[in-house]
Amino acid sequence: MTAQRRDRLERMLRALDMRLAGASHREIAAAFGHDKAARLPATQWKVCSARSAVVRLVRDAERKMNRDYLKLLRIR
C-alpha cells in the first residue's frame, strides 16, 4: 500500500469515527484543519471544497465499513 493510500485510509477512519460519534460534516472539516471553511454561512458551505472532501471521506469510509473492508486484507 502506498503512503498516499495509507494516509487517505487513516483520514477515512478518523472521519468515520467522528461521524459515528455524532459529529457533523462541519465538525469533521474543522478537525481536519479546515476551520475557516467550517465557519462559512450555509449557502457557501454547501459548495465548499472542504465539505465535498469530508462528504467523500465519510462516504468511502462507510462503504469500507459495510462491505469493502475485506479488500484491505488482500492489499499487498
N, C-alpha and C. Protein backbone atom coordinates (compact mmCIF):
# COMPACT_ATOMS: atom_id res chain seq x y z
N MET A 1 0.86 -1.17 0.00
CA MET A 1 0.00 0.00 0.00
C MET A 1 0.90 1.23 0.00
N THR A 2 0.58 2.16 -0.87
CA THR A 2 1.38 3.38 -0.96
C THR A 2 1.13 4.27 0.26
N ALA A 3 2.04 5.18 0.48
CA ALA A 3 1.91 6.11 1.61
C ALA A 3 0.66 6.98 1.44
N GLN A 4 0.35 7.36 0.21
CA GLN A 4 -0.83 8.19 -0.05
C GLN A 4 -2.11 7.43 0.29
N ARG A 5 -2.19 6.17 -0.11
CA ARG A 5 -3.39 5.36 0.20
C ARG A 5 -3.51 5.14 1.71
N ARG A 6 -2.38 4.92 2.36
CA ARG A 6 -2.39 4.72 3.81
C ARG A 6 -2.87 5.98 4.53
N ASP A 7 -2.41 7.15 4.06
CA ASP A 7 -2.84 8.42 4.66
C ASP A 7 -4.34 8.64 4.46
N ARG A 8 -4.82 8.34 3.25
CA ARG A 8 -6.26 8.51 2.99
C ARG A 8 -7.07 7.55 3.85
N LEU A 9 -6.62 6.33 3.99
CA LEU A 9 -7.32 5.37 4.83
C LEU A 9 -7.37 5.84 6.28
N GLU A 10 -6.28 6.40 6.75
CA GLU A 10 -6.25 6.94 8.12
C GLU A 10 -7.26 8.08 8.28
N ARG A 11 -7.30 8.99 7.29
CA ARG A 11 -8.27 10.09 7.34
C ARG A 11 -9.70 9.56 7.28
N MET A 12 -9.92 8.54 6.45
CA MET A 12 -11.25 7.94 6.35
C MET A 12 -11.69 7.37 7.70
N LEU A 13 -10.79 6.66 8.36
CA LEU A 13 -11.13 6.05 9.65
C LEU A 13 -11.39 7.11 10.71
N ARG A 14 -10.59 8.17 10.70
CA ARG A 14 -10.83 9.27 11.66
C ARG A 14 -12.18 9.93 11.41
N ALA A 15 -12.49 10.17 10.13
CA ALA A 15 -13.77 10.80 9.78
C ALA A 15 -14.93 9.89 10.17
N LEU A 16 -14.80 8.61 9.92
CA LEU A 16 -15.86 7.67 10.27
C LEU A 16 -16.06 7.60 11.78
N ASP A 17 -14.97 7.55 12.53
CA ASP A 17 -15.08 7.54 14.00
C ASP A 17 -15.84 8.76 14.50
N MET A 18 -15.49 9.92 13.95
CA MET A 18 -16.16 11.15 14.37
C MET A 18 -17.63 11.13 13.97
N ARG A 19 -17.92 10.68 12.76
CA ARG A 19 -19.31 10.65 12.28
C ARG A 19 -20.16 9.71 13.13
N LEU A 20 -19.60 8.53 13.44
CA LEU A 20 -20.34 7.57 14.26
C LEU A 20 -20.54 8.08 15.69
N ALA A 21 -19.67 8.98 16.12
CA ALA A 21 -19.80 9.59 17.45
C ALA A 21 -20.77 10.77 17.43
N GLY A 22 -21.30 11.09 16.24
CA GLY A 22 -22.31 12.15 16.14
C GLY A 22 -21.82 13.48 15.62
N ALA A 23 -20.59 13.55 15.13
CA ALA A 23 -20.05 14.81 14.62
C ALA A 23 -20.68 15.15 13.27
N SER A 24 -20.85 16.43 13.04
CA SER A 24 -21.38 16.90 11.75
C SER A 24 -20.23 16.98 10.75
N HIS A 25 -20.57 17.15 9.48
CA HIS A 25 -19.53 17.31 8.47
C HIS A 25 -18.70 18.55 8.75
N ARG A 26 -19.33 19.59 9.26
CA ARG A 26 -18.58 20.82 9.61
C ARG A 26 -17.57 20.55 10.71
N GLU A 27 -17.98 19.80 11.73
CA GLU A 27 -17.06 19.48 12.83
C GLU A 27 -15.89 18.63 12.34
N ILE A 28 -16.17 17.72 11.44
CA ILE A 28 -15.10 16.89 10.89
C ILE A 28 -14.14 17.75 10.07
N ALA A 29 -14.68 18.66 9.27
CA ALA A 29 -13.84 19.56 8.48
C ALA A 29 -12.95 20.39 9.39
N ALA A 30 -13.50 20.89 10.48
CA ALA A 30 -12.70 21.68 11.42
C ALA A 30 -11.59 20.83 12.04
N ALA A 31 -11.88 19.59 12.35
CA ALA A 31 -10.89 18.69 12.94
C ALA A 31 -9.75 18.40 11.97
N PHE A 32 -10.03 18.45 10.67
CA PHE A 32 -9.01 18.21 9.65
C PHE A 32 -8.30 19.49 9.23
N GLY A 33 -8.51 20.58 9.96
CA GLY A 33 -7.79 21.81 9.69
C GLY A 33 -8.48 22.79 8.76
N HIS A 34 -9.73 22.57 8.48
CA HIS A 34 -10.49 23.48 7.61
C HIS A 34 -11.39 24.38 8.45
N ASP A 35 -10.82 24.99 9.48
CA ASP A 35 -11.59 25.82 10.41
C ASP A 35 -12.32 26.95 9.70
N LYS A 36 -11.62 27.59 8.79
CA LYS A 36 -12.20 28.74 8.08
C LYS A 36 -13.42 28.29 7.26
N ALA A 37 -13.28 27.18 6.56
CA ALA A 37 -14.38 26.67 5.74
C ALA A 37 -15.56 26.23 6.60
N ALA A 38 -15.27 25.66 7.76
CA ALA A 38 -16.32 25.16 8.64
C ALA A 38 -17.17 26.30 9.21
N ARG A 39 -16.65 27.52 9.19
CA ARG A 39 -17.40 28.66 9.73
C ARG A 39 -18.15 29.45 8.65
N LEU A 40 -18.14 28.96 7.43
CA LEU A 40 -18.83 29.65 6.33
C LEU A 40 -20.34 29.61 6.55
N PRO A 41 -21.05 30.59 6.01
CA PRO A 41 -22.52 30.52 6.02
C PRO A 41 -22.99 29.30 5.25
N ALA A 42 -24.20 28.87 5.53
CA ALA A 42 -24.73 27.62 4.95
C ALA A 42 -24.67 27.61 3.42
N THR A 43 -24.99 28.72 2.79
CA THR A 43 -25.01 28.74 1.32
C THR A 43 -23.60 28.54 0.74
N GLN A 44 -22.60 29.11 1.38
CA GLN A 44 -21.22 28.94 0.92
C GLN A 44 -20.67 27.57 1.31
N TRP A 45 -21.07 27.08 2.48
CA TRP A 45 -20.62 25.76 2.94
C TRP A 45 -21.08 24.66 1.98
N LYS A 46 -22.28 24.81 1.42
CA LYS A 46 -22.83 23.79 0.52
C LYS A 46 -21.96 23.57 -0.71
N VAL A 47 -21.27 24.59 -1.18
CA VAL A 47 -20.45 24.47 -2.39
C VAL A 47 -18.95 24.50 -2.10
N CYS A 48 -18.59 24.38 -0.84
CA CYS A 48 -17.19 24.45 -0.41
C CYS A 48 -16.46 23.13 -0.71
N SER A 49 -15.24 23.23 -1.17
CA SER A 49 -14.46 22.03 -1.49
C SER A 49 -14.13 21.22 -0.24
N ALA A 50 -13.97 21.89 0.91
CA ALA A 50 -13.71 21.16 2.15
C ALA A 50 -14.90 20.28 2.52
N ARG A 51 -16.10 20.78 2.32
CA ARG A 51 -17.30 19.98 2.59
C ARG A 51 -17.34 18.77 1.67
N SER A 52 -17.08 18.98 0.39
CA SER A 52 -17.09 17.88 -0.57
C SER A 52 -16.07 16.81 -0.19
N ALA A 53 -14.89 17.23 0.24
CA ALA A 53 -13.85 16.28 0.63
C ALA A 53 -14.28 15.46 1.84
N VAL A 54 -14.90 16.11 2.83
CA VAL A 54 -15.35 15.41 4.03
C VAL A 54 -16.48 14.45 3.69
N VAL A 55 -17.40 14.88 2.87
CA VAL A 55 -18.51 14.00 2.47
C VAL A 55 -17.97 12.76 1.77
N ARG A 56 -16.99 12.93 0.89
CA ARG A 56 -16.39 11.78 0.20
C ARG A 56 -15.66 10.86 1.17
N LEU A 57 -14.93 11.44 2.11
CA LEU A 57 -14.22 10.62 3.10
C LEU A 57 -15.19 9.78 3.91
N VAL A 58 -16.25 10.40 4.39
CA VAL A 58 -17.24 9.69 5.20
C VAL A 58 -17.94 8.62 4.35
N ARG A 59 -18.32 8.97 3.15
CA ARG A 59 -19.00 8.01 2.26
C ARG A 59 -18.11 6.80 1.98
N ASP A 60 -16.86 7.06 1.64
CA ASP A 60 -15.94 5.97 1.34
C ASP A 60 -15.65 5.12 2.58
N ALA A 61 -15.55 5.77 3.73
CA ALA A 61 -15.31 5.03 4.98
C ALA A 61 -16.51 4.16 5.33
N GLU A 62 -17.71 4.67 5.14
CA GLU A 62 -18.91 3.87 5.41
C GLU A 62 -18.98 2.68 4.46
N ARG A 63 -18.58 2.89 3.23
CA ARG A 63 -18.55 1.79 2.25
C ARG A 63 -17.56 0.72 2.70
N LYS A 64 -16.39 1.14 3.14
CA LYS A 64 -15.40 0.18 3.64
C LYS A 64 -15.95 -0.57 4.85
N MET A 65 -16.57 0.16 5.75
CA MET A 65 -17.11 -0.45 6.96
C MET A 65 -18.18 -1.49 6.62
N ASN A 66 -19.02 -1.18 5.65
CA ASN A 66 -20.16 -2.04 5.35
C ASN A 66 -19.84 -3.24 4.47
N ARG A 67 -18.85 -3.09 3.57
CA ARG A 67 -18.62 -4.24 2.68
C ARG A 67 -17.23 -4.37 2.11
N ASP A 68 -16.49 -3.31 1.98
CA ASP A 68 -15.20 -3.38 1.29
C ASP A 68 -14.00 -3.61 2.20
N TYR A 69 -14.22 -3.76 3.49
CA TYR A 69 -13.09 -3.87 4.40
C TYR A 69 -12.26 -5.13 4.12
N LEU A 70 -12.85 -6.15 3.57
CA LEU A 70 -12.11 -7.38 3.27
C LEU A 70 -11.03 -7.14 2.20
N LYS A 71 -11.24 -6.15 1.36
CA LYS A 71 -10.25 -5.83 0.34
C LYS A 71 -8.94 -5.36 0.99
N LEU A 72 -9.01 -4.80 2.17
CA LEU A 72 -7.79 -4.35 2.86
C LEU A 72 -6.87 -5.52 3.15
N LEU A 73 -7.45 -6.66 3.39
CA LEU A 73 -6.64 -7.85 3.69
C LEU A 73 -5.89 -8.36 2.47
N ARG A 74 -6.39 -8.04 1.28
CA ARG A 74 -5.77 -8.52 0.05
C ARG A 74 -4.74 -7.55 -0.51
N ILE A 75 -4.65 -6.37 0.05
CA ILE A 75 -3.68 -5.37 -0.45
C ILE A 75 -2.28 -5.83 -0.12
N ARG A 76 -1.42 -5.73 -1.10
CA ARG A 76 -0.02 -6.17 -0.89
C ARG A 76 0.90 -5.00 -0.75
